[in-house]
């Protein structure tokens, strides 16, 4: 069951970014590797148990969070191909792993996001 939370818990200002489209040499639109901010919204970040992964023969710390956002037309278009960026600290970039509607009432969406992974 979803945890009851009001709007007061949504304290983190987040930028929702998606990869843009760019033209190829013939002018046809193709996906680019550059992320662009689509919209900005507030979220509640709940830390989960962190861990370490081995990348390039080195340990790298990863910190998963659950991001709770209000359900809106903007947040319902977000997919796992998007990413979140902390609006107050643009060095904190979160990859979206999963998106769910925990209470099945379409009031809030919960996103499993990970800090410390490459995009």
PDB file of N, CA and C in Angstrom:
ATOM      1  N   UNK A   1       0.841  -1.177   0.000  1.00  0.00           N
ATOM      2  CA  UNK A   1       0.000   0.000   0.000  1.00  0.00           C
ATOM      3  C   UNK A   1       0.881   1.233   0.000  1.00  0.00           C
ATOM      4  N   UNK A   2       0.447   2.248  -0.684  1.00  0.00           N
ATOM      5  CA  UNK A   2       1.220   3.474  -0.798  1.00  0.00           C
ATOM      6  C   UNK A   2       1.206   4.232   0.522  1.00  0.00           C
ATOM      7  N   UNK A   3       2.324   4.870   0.793  1.00  0.00           N
ATOM      8  CA  UNK A   3       2.449   5.673   2.002  1.00  0.00           C
ATOM      9  C   UNK A   3       1.701   6.984   1.793  1.00  0.00           C
ATOM     10  N   UNK A   4       0.959   7.402   2.782  1.00  0.00           N
ATOM     11  CA  UNK A   4       0.215   8.654   2.691  1.00  0.00           C
ATOM     12  C   UNK A   4       1.184   9.822   2.810  1.00  0.00           C
ATOM     13  N   UNK A   5       1.104  10.709   1.869  1.00  0.00           N
ATOM     14  CA  UNK A   5       1.977  11.871   1.868  1.00  0.00           C
ATOM     15  C   UNK A   5       1.221  13.032   1.255  1.00  0.00           C
ATOM     16  N   UNK A   6       1.415  14.194   1.823  1.00  0.00           N
ATOM     17  CA  UNK A   6       0.776  15.372   1.279  1.00  0.00           C
ATOM     18  C   UNK A   6       1.716  16.140   0.377  1.00  0.00           C
ATOM     19  N   UNK A   7       1.257  17.272  -0.068  1.00  0.00           N
ATOM     20  CA  UNK A   7       2.064  18.095  -0.956  1.00  0.00           C
ATOM     21  C   UNK A   7       3.275  18.679  -0.238  1.00  0.00           C
ATOM     22  N   UNK A   8       3.252  18.711   1.100  1.00  0.00           N
ATOM     23  CA  UNK A   8       4.380  19.255   1.850  1.00  0.00           C
ATOM     24  C   UNK A   8       5.643  18.433   1.735  1.00  0.00           C
ATOM     25  N   UNK A   9       5.529  17.170   1.348  1.00  0.00           N
ATOM     26  CA  UNK A   9       6.700  16.320   1.188  1.00  0.00           C
ATOM     27  C   UNK A   9       7.428  16.539  -0.123  1.00  0.00           C
ATOM     28  N   UNK A  10       6.802  17.225  -1.067  1.00  0.00           N
ATOM     29  CA  UNK A  10       7.406  17.451  -2.381  1.00  0.00           C
ATOM     30  C   UNK A  10       8.314  18.678  -2.303  1.00  0.00           C
ATOM     31  N   UNK A  11       9.537  18.476  -1.833  1.00  0.00           N
ATOM     32  CA  UNK A  11      10.436  19.598  -1.547  1.00  0.00           C
ATOM     33  C   UNK A  11      11.556  19.780  -2.559  1.00  0.00           C
ATOM     34  N   UNK A  12      11.863  18.745  -3.329  1.00  0.00           N
ATOM     35  CA  UNK A  12      12.998  18.810  -4.248  1.00  0.00           C
ATOM     36  C   UNK A  12      12.527  19.285  -5.621  1.00  0.00           C
ATOM     37  N   UNK A  13      13.151  20.335  -6.119  1.00  0.00           N
ATOM     38  CA  UNK A  13      12.829  20.824  -7.457  1.00  0.00           C
ATOM     39  C   UNK A  13      13.661  20.041  -8.465  1.00  0.00           C
ATOM     40  N   UNK A  14      13.006  19.365  -9.398  1.00  0.00           N
ATOM     41  CA  UNK A  14      13.686  18.489 -10.345  1.00  0.00           C
ATOM     42  C   UNK A  14      13.411  18.934 -11.778  1.00  0.00           C
ATOM     43  N   UNK A  15      14.428  18.760 -12.623  1.00  0.00           N
ATOM     44  CA  UNK A  15      14.292  18.993 -14.057  1.00  0.00           C
ATOM     45  C   UNK A  15      14.102  17.637 -14.732  1.00  0.00           C
ATOM     46  N   UNK A  16      13.065  17.507 -15.518  1.00  0.00           N
ATOM     47  CA  UNK A  16      12.798  16.278 -16.255  1.00  0.00           C
ATOM     48  C   UNK A  16      13.363  16.458 -17.659  1.00  0.00           C
ATOM     49  N   UNK A  17      14.310  15.599 -18.019  1.00  0.00           N
ATOM     50  CA  UNK A  17      15.010  15.751 -19.289  1.00  0.00           C
ATOM     51  C   UNK A  17      14.833  14.518 -20.161  1.00  0.00           C
ATOM     52  N   UNK A  18      14.724  14.757 -21.465  1.00  0.00           N
ATOM     53  CA  UNK A  18      14.632  13.685 -22.458  1.00  0.00           C
ATOM     54  C   UNK A  18      15.629  13.982 -23.563  1.00  0.00           C
ATOM     55  N   UNK A  19      16.023  12.934 -24.262  1.00  0.00           N
ATOM     56  CA  UNK A  19      16.912  13.127 -25.400  1.00  0.00           C
ATOM     57  C   UNK A  19      16.133  13.792 -26.520  1.00  0.00           C
ATOM     58  N   UNK A  20      16.762  14.778 -27.133  1.00  0.00           N
ATOM     59  CA  UNK A  20      16.108  15.514 -28.202  1.00  0.00           C
ATOM     60  C   UNK A  20      16.259  14.833 -29.549  1.00  0.00           C
ATOM     61  N   UNK A  21      15.701  15.464 -30.547  1.00  0.00           N
ATOM     62  CA  UNK A  21      15.809  14.977 -31.917  1.00  0.00           C
ATOM     63  C   UNK A  21      16.687  15.952 -32.697  1.00  0.00           C
ATOM     64  N   UNK A  22      17.548  15.404 -33.513  1.00  0.00           N
ATOM     65  CA  UNK A  22      18.407  16.227 -34.348  1.00  0.00           C
ATOM     66  C   UNK A  22      18.352  15.731 -35.783  1.00  0.00           C
ATOM     67  N   UNK A  23      18.682  16.582 -36.742  1.00  0.00           N
ATOM     68  CA  UNK A  23      18.625  16.151 -38.140  1.00  0.00           C
ATOM     69  C   UNK A  23      19.881  15.375 -38.541  1.00  0.00           C
ATOM     70  N   UNK A  24      19.691  14.411 -39.451  1.00  0.00           N
ATOM     71  CA  UNK A  24      20.854  13.745 -40.030  1.00  0.00           C
ATOM     72  C   UNK A  24      21.331  14.561 -41.232  1.00  0.00           C
ATOM     73  N   UNK A  25      22.262  14.027 -42.018  1.00  0.00           N
ATOM     74  CA  UNK A  25      22.822  14.805 -43.126  1.00  0.00           C
ATOM     75  C   UNK A  25      21.798  15.088 -44.222  1.00  0.00           C
ATOM     76  N   UNK A  26      20.659  14.379 -44.211  1.00  0.00           N
ATOM     77  CA  UNK A  26      19.609  14.604 -45.206  1.00  0.00           C
ATOM     78  C   UNK A  26      18.441  15.413 -44.648  1.00  0.00           C
ATOM     79  N   UNK A  27      18.519  15.814 -43.392  1.00  0.00           N
ATOM     80  CA  UNK A  27      17.465  16.606 -42.777  1.00  0.00           C
ATOM     81  C   UNK A  27      16.382  15.799 -42.094  1.00  0.00           C
ATOM     82  N   UNK A  28      16.524  14.481 -42.053  1.00  0.00           N
ATOM     83  CA  UNK A  28      15.541  13.637 -41.373  1.00  0.00           C
ATOM     84  C   UNK A  28      15.788  13.657 -39.870  1.00  0.00           C
ATOM     85  N   UNK A  29      14.721  13.675 -39.051  1.00  0.00           N
ATOM     86  CA  UNK A  29      14.927  13.698 -37.595  1.00  0.00           C
ATOM     87  C   UNK A  29      15.413  12.343 -37.080  1.00  0.00           C
ATOM     88  N   UNK A  30      16.454  12.383 -36.273  1.00  0.00           N
ATOM     89  CA  UNK A  30      16.973  11.187 -35.610  1.00  0.00           C
ATOM     90  C   UNK A  30      17.223  11.534 -34.149  1.00  0.00           C
ATOM     91  N   UNK A  31      17.163  10.552 -33.245  1.00  0.00           N
ATOM     92  CA  UNK A  31      17.438  10.837 -31.829  1.00  0.00           C
ATOM     93  C   UNK A  31      18.887  11.273 -31.629  1.00  0.00           C
ATOM     94  N   UNK A  32      19.072  12.297 -30.820  1.00  0.00           N
ATOM     95  CA  UNK A  32      20.425  12.759 -30.509  1.00  0.00           C
ATOM     96  C   UNK A  32      20.829  12.244 -29.131  1.00  0.00           C
ATOM     97  N   UNK A  33      22.091  12.419 -28.788  1.00  0.00           N
ATOM     98  CA  UNK A  33      22.589  11.977 -27.488  1.00  0.00           C
ATOM     99  C   UNK A  33      22.546  13.082 -26.442  1.00  0.00           C
ATOM    100  N   UNK A  34      21.996  14.232 -26.784  1.00  0.00           N
ATOM    101  CA  UNK A  34      21.962  15.378 -25.882  1.00  0.00           C
ATOM    102  C   UNK A  34      20.602  15.429 -25.184  1.00  0.00           C
ATOM    103  N   UNK A  35      20.637  15.528 -23.849  1.00  0.00           N
ATOM    104  CA  UNK A  35      19.406  15.656 -23.074  1.00  0.00           C
ATOM    105  C   UNK A  35      18.986  17.120 -23.025  1.00  0.00           C
ATOM    106  N   UNK A  36      17.681  17.356 -23.135  1.00  0.00           N
ATOM    107  CA  UNK A  36      17.125  18.701 -23.042  1.00  0.00           C
ATOM    108  C   UNK A  36      16.017  18.693 -21.995  1.00  0.00           C
ATOM    109  N   UNK A  37      15.905  19.786 -21.240  1.00  0.00           N
ATOM    110  CA  UNK A  37      14.875  19.894 -20.207  1.00  0.00           C
ATOM    111  C   UNK A  37      13.514  20.074 -20.867  1.00  0.00           C
ATOM    112  N   UNK A  38      12.565  19.212 -20.490  1.00  0.00           N
ATOM    113  CA  UNK A  38      11.216  19.273 -21.038  1.00  0.00           C
ATOM    114  C   UNK A  38      10.305  20.060 -20.101  1.00  0.00           C
ATOM    115  N   UNK A  39      10.406  19.800 -18.796  1.00  0.00           N
ATOM    116  CA  UNK A  39       9.628  20.553 -17.814  1.00  0.00           C
ATOM    117  C   UNK A  39      10.294  20.436 -16.455  1.00  0.00           C
ATOM    118  N   UNK A  40       9.764  21.189 -15.507  1.00  0.00           N
ATOM    119  CA  UNK A  40      10.288  21.224 -14.135  1.00  0.00           C
ATOM    120  C   UNK A  40       9.126  20.956 -13.185  1.00  0.00           C
ATOM    121  N   UNK A  41       9.397  20.159 -12.138  1.00  0.00           N
ATOM    122  CA  UNK A  41       8.348  19.837 -11.177  1.00  0.00           C
ATOM    123  C   UNK A  41       8.993  19.530  -9.828  1.00  0.00           C
ATOM    124  N   UNK A  42       8.169  19.452  -8.795  1.00  0.00           N
ATOM    125  CA  UNK A  42       8.658  19.135  -7.457  1.00  0.00           C
ATOM    126  C   UNK A  42       8.470  17.653  -7.166  1.00  0.00           C
ATOM    127  N   UNK A  43       9.398  17.096  -6.388  1.00  0.00           N
ATOM    128  CA  UNK A  43       9.366  15.670  -6.066  1.00  0.00           C
ATOM    129  C   UNK A  43       9.803  15.466  -4.625  1.00  0.00           C
ATOM    130  N   UNK A  44       9.410  14.328  -4.075  1.00  0.00           N
ATOM    131  CA  UNK A  44       9.904  13.879  -2.775  1.00  0.00           C
ATOM    132  C   UNK A  44      10.894  12.751  -3.047  1.00  0.00           C
ATOM    133  N   UNK A  45      12.112  12.881  -2.542  1.00  0.00           N
ATOM    134  CA  UNK A  45      13.131  11.855  -2.726  1.00  0.00           C
ATOM    135  C   UNK A  45      13.256  11.037  -1.451  1.00  0.00           C
ATOM    136  N   UNK A  46      13.032   9.729  -1.558  1.00  0.00           N
ATOM    137  CA  UNK A  46      13.148   8.809  -0.430  1.00  0.00           C
ATOM    138  C   UNK A  46      14.328   7.892  -0.718  1.00  0.00           C
ATOM    139  N   UNK A  47      15.423   7.983   0.067  1.00  0.00           N
ATOM    140  CA  UNK A  47      16.581   7.130  -0.205  1.00  0.00           C
ATOM    141  C   UNK A  47      16.296   5.662   0.087  1.00  0.00           C
ATOM    142  N   UNK A  48      16.892   4.808  -0.723  1.00  0.00           N
ATOM    143  CA  UNK A  48      16.827   3.360  -0.545  1.00  0.00           C
ATOM    144  C   UNK A  48      18.220   2.865  -0.180  1.00  0.00           C
ATOM    145  N   UNK A  49      18.356   1.568   0.067  1.00  0.00           N
ATOM    146  CA  UNK A  49      19.667   1.014   0.394  1.00  0.00           C
ATOM    147  C   UNK A  49      20.594   1.140  -0.804  1.00  0.00           C
ATOM    148  N   UNK A  50      21.759   1.718  -0.586  1.00  0.00           N
ATOM    149  CA  UNK A  50      22.731   1.900  -1.656  1.00  0.00           C
ATOM    150  C   UNK A  50      23.546   0.656  -1.898  1.00  0.00           C
ATOM    151  N   UNK A  51      24.433   0.744  -2.851  1.00  0.00           N
ATOM    152  CA  UNK A  51      25.281  -0.397  -3.174  1.00  0.00           C
ATOM    153  C   UNK A  51      26.481   0.055  -3.981  1.00  0.00           C
ATOM    154  N   UNK A  52      27.239  -0.917  -4.438  1.00  0.00           N
ATOM    155  CA  UNK A  52      28.405  -0.637  -5.257  1.00  0.00           C
ATOM    156  C   UNK A  52      28.361  -1.526  -6.479  1.00  0.00           C
ATOM    157  N   UNK A  53      28.826  -0.992  -7.585  1.00  0.00           N
ATOM    158  CA  UNK A  53      28.931  -1.790  -8.798  1.00  0.00           C
ATOM    159  C   UNK A  53      30.357  -1.683  -9.309  1.00  0.00           C
ATOM    160  N   UNK A  54      30.787  -2.691 -10.042  1.00  0.00           N
ATOM    161  CA  UNK A  54      32.128  -2.683 -10.619  1.00  0.00           C
ATOM    162  C   UNK A  54      32.014  -2.181 -12.044  1.00  0.00           C
ATOM    163  N   UNK A  55      32.708  -1.088 -12.320  1.00  0.00           N
ATOM    164  CA  UNK A  55      32.698  -0.515 -13.648  1.00  0.00           C
ATOM    165  C   UNK A  55      34.125  -0.146 -14.004  1.00  0.00           C
ATOM    166  N   UNK A  56      34.627  -0.684 -15.098  1.00  0.00           N
ATOM    167  CA  UNK A  56      36.005  -0.449 -15.546  1.00  0.00           C
ATOM    168  C   UNK A  56      36.992  -0.855 -14.459  1.00  0.00           C
ATOM    169  N   UNK A  57      36.753  -2.008 -13.857  1.00  0.00           N
ATOM    170  CA  UNK A  57      37.613  -2.589 -12.811  1.00  0.00           C
ATOM    171  C   UNK A  57      37.717  -1.718 -11.569  1.00  0.00           C
ATOM    172  N   UNK A  58      36.741  -0.838 -11.352  1.00  0.00           N
ATOM    173  CA  UNK A  58      36.719  -0.010 -10.146  1.00  0.00           C
ATOM    174  C   UNK A  58      35.336  -0.080  -9.521  1.00  0.00           C
ATOM    175  N   UNK A  59      35.314   0.030  -8.206  1.00  0.00           N
ATOM    176  CA  UNK A  59      34.034   0.080  -7.512  1.00  0.00           C
ATOM    177  C   UNK A  59      33.438   1.470  -7.655  1.00  0.00           C
ATOM    178  N   UNK A  60      32.156   1.502  -7.896  1.00  0.00           N
ATOM    179  CA  UNK A  60      31.458   2.772  -8.025  1.00  0.00           C
ATOM    180  C   UNK A  60      30.212   2.707  -7.160  1.00  0.00           C
ATOM    181  N   UNK A  61      30.037   3.705  -6.303  1.00  0.00           N
ATOM    182  CA  UNK A  61      28.870   3.728  -5.431  1.00  0.00           C
ATOM    183  C   UNK A  61      27.637   4.205  -6.170  1.00  0.00           C
ATOM    184  N   UNK A  62      26.520   3.513  -5.948  1.00  0.00           N
ATOM    185  CA  UNK A  62      25.250   3.936  -6.521  1.00  0.00           C
ATOM    186  C   UNK A  62      24.246   4.088  -5.388  1.00  0.00           C
ATOM    187  N   UNK A  63      23.378   5.074  -5.508  1.00  0.00           N
ATOM    188  CA  UNK A  63      22.378   5.336  -4.483  1.00  0.00           C
ATOM    189  C   UNK A  63      21.003   5.380  -5.135  1.00  0.00           C
ATOM    190  N   UNK A  64      20.169   4.362  -4.904  1.00  0.00           N
ATOM    191  CA  UNK A  64      18.808   4.415  -5.445  1.00  0.00           C
ATOM    192  C   UNK A  64      17.889   5.255  -4.553  1.00  0.00           C
ATOM    193  N   UNK A  65      16.919   5.884  -5.181  1.00  0.00           N
ATOM    194  CA  UNK A  65      15.899   6.684  -4.501  1.00  0.00           C
ATOM    195  C   UNK A  65      14.546   6.317  -5.092  1.00  0.00           C
ATOM    196  N   UNK A  66      13.505   6.618  -4.345  1.00  0.00           N
ATOM    197  CA  UNK A  66      12.159   6.628  -4.892  1.00  0.00           C
ATOM    198  C   UNK A  66      11.750   8.085  -4.982  1.00  0.00           C
ATOM    199  N   UNK A  67      11.422   8.534  -6.189  1.00  0.00           N
ATOM    200  CA  UNK A  67      10.968   9.909  -6.404  1.00  0.00           C
ATOM    201  C   UNK A  67       9.453   9.880  -6.537  1.00  0.00           C
ATOM    202  N   UNK A  68       8.772  10.600  -5.656  1.00  0.00           N
ATOM    203  CA  UNK A  68       7.313  10.689  -5.695  1.00  0.00           C
ATOM    204  C   UNK A  68       6.952  12.053  -6.279  1.00  0.00           C
ATOM    205  N   UNK A  69       6.150  12.044  -7.345  1.00  0.00           N
ATOM    206  CA  UNK A  69       5.712  13.275  -8.009  1.00  0.00           C
ATOM    207  C   UNK A  69       4.198  13.232  -8.162  1.00  0.00           C
ATOM    208  N   UNK A  70       3.599  14.411  -8.270  1.00  0.00           N
ATOM    209  CA  UNK A  70       2.163  14.468  -8.547  1.00  0.00           C
ATOM    210  C   UNK A  70       1.917  14.006  -9.981  1.00  0.00           C
ATOM    211  N   UNK A  71       0.849  13.273 -10.172  1.00  0.00           N
ATOM    212  CA  UNK A  71       0.483  12.836 -11.515  1.00  0.00           C
ATOM    213  C   UNK A  71      -0.115  14.018 -12.273  1.00  0.00           C
ATOM    214  N   UNK A  72       0.407  14.274 -13.449  1.00  0.00           N
ATOM    215  CA  UNK A  72      -0.058  15.364 -14.305  1.00  0.00           C
ATOM    216  C   UNK A  72       0.172  14.934 -15.753  1.00  0.00           C
ATOM    217  N   UNK A  73      -0.361  15.663 -16.710  1.00  0.00           N
ATOM    218  CA  UNK A  73      -0.070  15.304 -18.106  1.00  0.00           C
ATOM    219  C   UNK A  73       1.431  15.289 -18.411  1.00  0.00           C
ATOM    220  N   UNK A  74       2.194  16.166 -17.776  1.00  0.00           N
ATOM    221  CA  UNK A  74       3.643  16.180 -17.996  1.00  0.00           C
ATOM    222  C   UNK A  74       4.308  14.940 -17.408  1.00  0.00           C
ATOM    223  N   UNK A  75       3.999  14.616 -16.158  1.00  0.00           N
ATOM    224  CA  UNK A  75       4.687  13.491 -15.524  1.00  0.00           C
ATOM    225  C   UNK A  75       4.229  12.146 -16.077  1.00  0.00           C
ATOM    226  N   UNK A  76       3.030  12.080 -16.631  1.00  0.00           N
ATOM    227  CA  UNK A  76       2.571  10.816 -17.219  1.00  0.00           C
ATOM    228  C   UNK A  76       3.255  10.509 -18.546  1.00  0.00           C
ATOM    229  N   UNK A  77       3.891  11.484 -19.177  1.00  0.00           N
ATOM    230  CA  UNK A  77       4.596  11.219 -20.432  1.00  0.00           C
ATOM    231  C   UNK A  77       6.036  10.761 -20.213  1.00  0.00           C
ATOM    232  N   UNK A  78       6.517  10.770 -18.971  1.00  0.00           N
ATOM    233  CA  UNK A  78       7.896  10.381 -18.663  1.00  0.00           C
ATOM    234  C   UNK A  78       8.054   8.874 -18.842  1.00  0.00           C
ATOM    235  N   UNK A  79       9.178   8.470 -19.442  1.00  0.00           N
ATOM    236  CA  UNK A  79       9.504   7.051 -19.611  1.00  0.00           C
ATOM    237  C   UNK A  79      10.867   6.782 -18.981  1.00  0.00           C
ATOM    238  N   UNK A  80      11.301   5.536 -19.037  1.00  0.00           N
ATOM    239  CA  UNK A  80      12.605   5.180 -18.477  1.00  0.00           C
ATOM    240  C   UNK A  80      13.754   5.671 -19.349  1.00  0.00           C
ATOM    241  N   UNK A  81      13.484   6.210 -20.511  1.00  0.00           N
ATOM    242  CA  UNK A  81      14.532   6.793 -21.347  1.00  0.00           C
ATOM    243  C   UNK A  81      14.883   8.211 -20.890  1.00  0.00           C
ATOM    244  N   UNK A  82      14.077   8.792 -20.009  1.00  0.00           N
ATOM    245  CA  UNK A  82      14.307  10.137 -19.505  1.00  0.00           C
ATOM    246  C   UNK A  82      15.266  10.082 -18.322  1.00  0.00           C
ATOM    247  N   UNK A  83      15.619  11.249 -17.808  1.00  0.00           N
ATOM    248  CA  UNK A  83      16.407  11.351 -16.585  1.00  0.00           C
ATOM    249  C   UNK A  83      15.939  12.562 -15.792  1.00  0.00           C
ATOM    250  N   UNK A  84      16.291  12.568 -14.504  1.00  0.00           N
ATOM    251  CA  UNK A  84      15.987  13.694 -13.616  1.00  0.00           C
ATOM    252  C   UNK A  84      17.289  14.372 -13.231  1.00  0.00           C
ATOM    253  N   UNK A  85      17.240  15.691 -13.114  1.00  0.00           N
ATOM    254  CA  UNK A  85      18.393  16.472 -12.672  1.00  0.00           C
ATOM    255  C   UNK A  85      17.920  17.371 -11.542  1.00  0.00           C
ATOM    256  N   UNK A  86      18.688  17.405 -10.454  1.00  0.00           N
ATOM    257  CA  UNK A  86      18.378  18.286  -9.329  1.00  0.00           C
ATOM    258  C   UNK A  86      18.534  19.725  -9.798  1.00  0.00           C
ATOM    259  N   UNK A  87      17.478  20.528  -9.681  1.00  0.00           N
ATOM    260  CA  UNK A  87      17.513  21.906 -10.168  1.00  0.00           C
ATOM    261  C   UNK A  87      18.445  22.783  -9.343  1.00  0.00           C
ATOM    262  N   UNK A  88      18.708  22.410  -8.101  1.00  0.00           N
ATOM    263  CA  UNK A  88      19.590  23.213  -7.249  1.00  0.00           C
ATOM    264  C   UNK A  88      21.048  22.810  -7.377  1.00  0.00           C
ATOM    265  N   UNK A  89      21.303  21.590  -7.879  1.00  0.00           N
ATOM    266  CA  UNK A  89      22.666  21.085  -8.037  1.00  0.00           C
ATOM    267  C   UNK A  89      22.693  20.244  -9.309  1.00  0.00           C
ATOM    268  N   UNK A  90      23.111  20.840 -10.414  1.00  0.00           N
ATOM    269  CA  UNK A  90      23.043  20.145 -11.701  1.00  0.00           C
ATOM    270  C   UNK A  90      24.043  19.002 -11.836  1.00  0.00           C
ATOM    271  N   UNK A  91      24.871  18.769 -10.822  1.00  0.00           N
ATOM    272  CA  UNK A  91      25.786  17.622 -10.828  1.00  0.00           C
ATOM    273  C   UNK A  91      25.079  16.338 -10.393  1.00  0.00           C
ATOM    274  N   UNK A  92      23.913  16.472  -9.757  1.00  0.00           N
ATOM    275  CA  UNK A  92      23.131  15.294  -9.336  1.00  0.00           C
ATOM    276  C   UNK A  92      22.185  14.903 -10.464  1.00  0.00           C
ATOM    277  N   UNK A  93      22.545  13.830 -11.148  1.00  0.00           N
ATOM    278  CA  UNK A  93      21.763  13.329 -12.279  1.00  0.00           C
ATOM    279  C   UNK A  93      21.252  11.939 -11.911  1.00  0.00           C
ATOM    280  N   UNK A  94      19.968  11.718 -12.098  1.00  0.00           N
ATOM    281  CA  UNK A  94      19.323  10.462 -11.725  1.00  0.00           C
ATOM    282  C   UNK A  94      18.782   9.771 -12.971  1.00  0.00           C
ATOM    283  N   UNK A  95      19.099   8.494 -13.125  1.00  0.00           N
ATOM    284  CA  UNK A  95      18.517   7.682 -14.190  1.00  0.00           C
ATOM    285  C   UNK A  95      17.226   7.061 -13.692  1.00  0.00           C
ATOM    286  N   UNK A  96      16.213   7.035 -14.525  1.00  0.00           N
ATOM    287  CA  UNK A  96      14.917   6.458 -14.163  1.00  0.00           C
ATOM    288  C   UNK A  96      14.930   4.978 -14.532  1.00  0.00           C
ATOM    289  N   UNK A  97      14.662   4.127 -13.550  1.00  0.00           N
ATOM    290  CA  UNK A  97      14.650   2.678 -13.765  1.00  0.00           C
ATOM    291  C   UNK A  97      13.239   2.119 -13.926  1.00  0.00           C
ATOM    292  N   UNK A  98      12.275   2.627 -13.168  1.00  0.00           N
ATOM    293  CA  UNK A  98      10.899   2.118 -13.233  1.00  0.00           C
ATOM    294  C   UNK A  98       9.942   3.216 -12.785  1.00  0.00           C
ATOM    295  N   UNK A  99       8.718   3.175 -13.307  1.00  0.00           N
ATOM    296  CA  UNK A  99       7.678   4.151 -12.968  1.00  0.00           C
ATOM    297  C   UNK A  99       6.419   3.374 -12.602  1.00  0.00           C
ATOM    298  N   UNK A 100       5.781   3.768 -11.486  1.00  0.00           N
ATOM    299  CA  UNK A 100       4.558   3.066 -11.078  1.00  0.00           C
ATOM    300  C   UNK A 100       3.550   4.050 -10.491  1.00  0.00           C
ATOM    301  N   UNK A 101       2.301   3.616 -10.490  1.00  0.00           N
ATOM    302  CA  UNK A 101       1.203   4.338  -9.851  1.00  0.00           C
ATOM    303  C   UNK A 101       0.818   3.515  -8.626  1.00  0.00           C
ATOM    304  N   UNK A 102       1.385   3.821  -7.442  1.00  0.00           N
ATOM    305  CA  UNK A 102       1.266   2.909  -6.298  1.00  0.00           C
ATOM    306  C   UNK A 102      -0.140   2.753  -5.733  1.00  0.00           C
ATOM    307  N   UNK A 103      -0.949   3.793  -5.758  1.00  0.00           N
ATOM    308  CA  UNK A 103      -2.275   3.682  -5.152  1.00  0.00           C
ATOM    309  C   UNK A 103      -3.379   3.434  -6.178  1.00  0.00           C
ATOM    310  N   UNK A 104      -3.035   3.361  -7.458  1.00  0.00           N
ATOM    311  CA  UNK A 104      -3.980   3.118  -8.548  1.00  0.00           C
ATOM    312  C   UNK A 104      -5.094   4.161  -8.602  1.00  0.00           C
ATOM    313  N   UNK A 105      -4.828   5.353  -8.059  1.00  0.00           N
ATOM    314  CA  UNK A 105      -5.799   6.445  -8.108  1.00  0.00           C
ATOM    315  C   UNK A 105      -5.312   7.587  -8.997  1.00  0.00           C
ATOM    316  N   UNK A 106      -4.124   7.429  -9.556  1.00  0.00           N
ATOM    317  CA  UNK A 106      -3.540   8.413 -10.459  1.00  0.00           C
ATOM    318  C   UNK A 106      -3.340   9.768  -9.784  1.00  0.00           C
ATOM    319  N   UNK A 107      -3.038   9.755  -8.474  1.00  0.00           N
ATOM    320  CA  UNK A 107      -2.731  10.993  -7.769  1.00  0.00           C
ATOM    321  C   UNK A 107      -1.237  11.264  -7.777  1.00  0.00           C
ATOM    322  N   UNK A 108      -0.453  10.240  -7.486  1.00  0.00           N
ATOM    323  CA  UNK A 108       1.000  10.352  -7.446  1.00  0.00           C
ATOM    324  C   UNK A 108       1.616   9.257  -8.306  1.00  0.00           C
ATOM    325  N   UNK A 109       2.800   9.530  -8.823  1.00  0.00           N
ATOM    326  CA  UNK A 109       3.606   8.527  -9.507  1.00  0.00           C
ATOM    327  C   UNK A 109       4.879   8.341  -8.709  1.00  0.00           C
ATOM    328  N   UNK A 110       5.346   7.114  -8.620  1.00  0.00           N
ATOM    329  CA  UNK A 110       6.619   6.831  -7.966  1.00  0.00           C
ATOM    330  C   UNK A 110       7.592   6.322  -9.013  1.00  0.00           C
ATOM    331  N   UNK A 111       8.794   6.878  -8.975  1.00  0.00           N
ATOM    332  CA  UNK A 111       9.833   6.498  -9.916  1.00  0.00           C
ATOM    333  C   UNK A 111      11.024   5.967  -9.142  1.00  0.00           C
ATOM    334  N   UNK A 112      11.504   4.794  -9.529  1.00  0.00           N
ATOM    335  CA  UNK A 112      12.742   4.275  -8.971  1.00  0.00           C
ATOM    336  C   UNK A 112      13.867   4.903  -9.771  1.00  0.00           C
ATOM    337  N   UNK A 113      14.683   5.731  -9.106  1.00  0.00           N
ATOM    338  CA  UNK A 113      15.765   6.442  -9.784  1.00  0.00           C
ATOM    339  C   UNK A 113      17.080   6.091  -9.107  1.00  0.00           C
ATOM    340  N   UNK A 114      18.174   6.213  -9.856  1.00  0.00           N
ATOM    341  CA  UNK A 114      19.489   5.842  -9.349  1.00  0.00           C
ATOM    342  C   UNK A 114      20.453   6.990  -9.596  1.00  0.00           C
ATOM    343  N   UNK A 115      21.151   7.386  -8.540  1.00  0.00           N
ATOM    344  CA  UNK A 115      22.192   8.408  -8.617  1.00  0.00           C
ATOM    345  C   UNK A 115      23.541   7.695  -8.686  1.00  0.00           C
ATOM    346  N   UNK A 116      24.401   8.103  -9.588  1.00  0.00           N
ATOM    347  CA  UNK A 116      25.733   7.522  -9.657  1.00  0.00           C
ATOM    348  C   UNK A 116      25.933   6.559 -10.798  1.00  0.00           C
ATOM    349  N   UNK A 117      24.988   6.470 -11.706  1.00  0.00           N
ATOM    350  CA  UNK A 117      25.135   5.622 -12.888  1.00  0.00           C
ATOM    351  C   UNK A 117      25.286   6.499 -14.118  1.00  0.00           C
ATOM    352  N   UNK A 118      26.068   6.064 -15.089  1.00  0.00           N
ATOM    353  CA  UNK A 118      26.158   6.854 -16.319  1.00  0.00           C
ATOM    354  C   UNK A 118      24.857   6.780 -17.108  1.00  0.00           C
ATOM    355  N   UNK A 119      24.567   7.833 -17.850  1.00  0.00           N
ATOM    356  CA  UNK A 119      23.324   7.888 -18.641  1.00  0.00           C
ATOM    357  C   UNK A 119      23.408   7.015 -19.863  1.00  0.00           C
TER     358      UNK A 119
END
